[in-house]
Amino acid sequence: MTSTPISPTVSPRHLGAGQHSSPGPRAAAEATETLGGRIDNLVSNAGIYPSTTTAELTDEEPDAMLAA
């Protein structure tokens, strides 16, 4: 988990817990307890990307990336 304070009262935290990480949910719960017992904002950031250039994308691929 990393932290970079952006104000005296706001300190964002990053906890990497991928879908294949079995300790992910437990690590999130433990970090929440350690940091005061609450989560004010939670961002679930997921996506896919093709291994081609932008010029080679089909019409369907951008829609699939945004739907992930």
Protein backbone atom coordinates (compact mmCIF):
# COMPACT_ATOMS: atom_id res chain seq x y z
CA MET A 1 0.00 0.00 0.00
CA THR A 2 1.31 3.46 -0.86
CA SER A 3 0.34 6.91 0.32
CA THR A 4 1.08 10.43 -0.85
CA PRO A 5 -0.67 13.11 1.22
CA ILE A 6 -2.34 15.79 -0.92
CA SER A 7 -3.59 17.90 1.97
CA PRO A 8 -3.48 17.79 5.77
CA THR A 9 -6.79 15.90 5.81
CA VAL A 10 -6.67 13.87 2.57
CA SER A 11 -4.25 11.02 2.06
CA PRO A 12 -5.01 8.66 -0.84
CA ARG A 13 -4.05 5.01 -0.48
CA HIS A 14 -3.37 2.44 -3.16
CA LEU A 15 -3.81 -1.25 -2.50
CA GLY A 16 -3.16 -3.56 -5.42
CA ALA A 17 -5.42 -6.59 -5.19
CA GLY A 18 -5.92 -8.25 -8.55
CA GLN A 19 -8.68 -10.71 -9.29
CA HIS A 20 -6.20 -13.57 -9.08
CA SER A 21 -4.93 -12.42 -5.70
CA SER A 22 -6.63 -14.53 -3.05
CA PRO A 23 -5.39 -12.33 -0.18
CA GLY A 24 -6.88 -9.24 -1.92
CA PRO A 25 -10.14 -8.93 0.06
CA ARG A 26 -8.45 -9.82 3.35
CA ALA A 27 -5.61 -7.33 2.68
CA ALA A 28 -8.17 -4.61 1.94
CA ALA A 29 -10.05 -5.32 5.18
CA GLU A 30 -6.84 -5.33 7.23
CA ALA A 31 -5.63 -2.08 5.63
CA THR A 32 -9.00 -0.47 6.35
CA GLU A 33 -8.79 -1.47 10.01
CA THR A 34 -5.22 -0.23 10.27
CA LEU A 35 -6.11 3.14 8.72
CA GLY A 36 -9.05 3.93 10.95
CA GLY A 37 -11.80 1.54 9.99
CA ARG A 38 -13.50 3.29 7.08
CA ILE A 39 -13.30 3.68 3.31
CA ASP A 40 -14.49 7.04 1.99
CA ASN A 41 -13.99 6.26 -1.72
CA LEU A 42 -13.27 3.02 -3.52
CA VAL A 43 -12.17 2.77 -7.15
CA SER A 44 -12.28 -0.54 -8.93
CA ASN A 45 -10.11 -0.01 -11.98
CA ALA A 46 -10.15 -2.79 -14.55
CA GLY A 47 -9.79 -2.99 -18.28
CA ILE A 48 -8.47 -4.84 -21.27
CA TYR A 49 -6.43 -3.74 -24.24
CA PRO A 50 -5.53 -5.36 -27.54
CA SER A 51 -1.93 -5.90 -28.53
CA THR A 52 -2.27 -3.98 -31.81
CA THR A 53 -1.77 -0.40 -32.88
CA THR A 54 -4.64 2.07 -32.78
CA ALA A 55 -4.77 2.08 -36.57
CA GLU A 56 -5.30 -1.71 -36.58
CA LEU A 57 -8.23 -1.72 -34.13
CA THR A 58 -11.51 -3.11 -35.40
CA ASP A 59 -14.72 -1.17 -34.75
CA GLU A 60 -15.68 -3.62 -31.99
CA GLU A 61 -12.42 -3.50 -29.97
CA PRO A 62 -12.80 0.01 -28.46
CA ASP A 63 -16.32 -0.90 -27.31
CA ALA A 64 -15.01 -4.10 -25.70
CA MET A 65 -12.26 -2.16 -23.89
CA LEU A 66 -14.74 0.37 -22.49
CA ALA A 67 -17.20 -2.34 -21.46
CA ALA A 68 -14.63 -4.19 -19.33
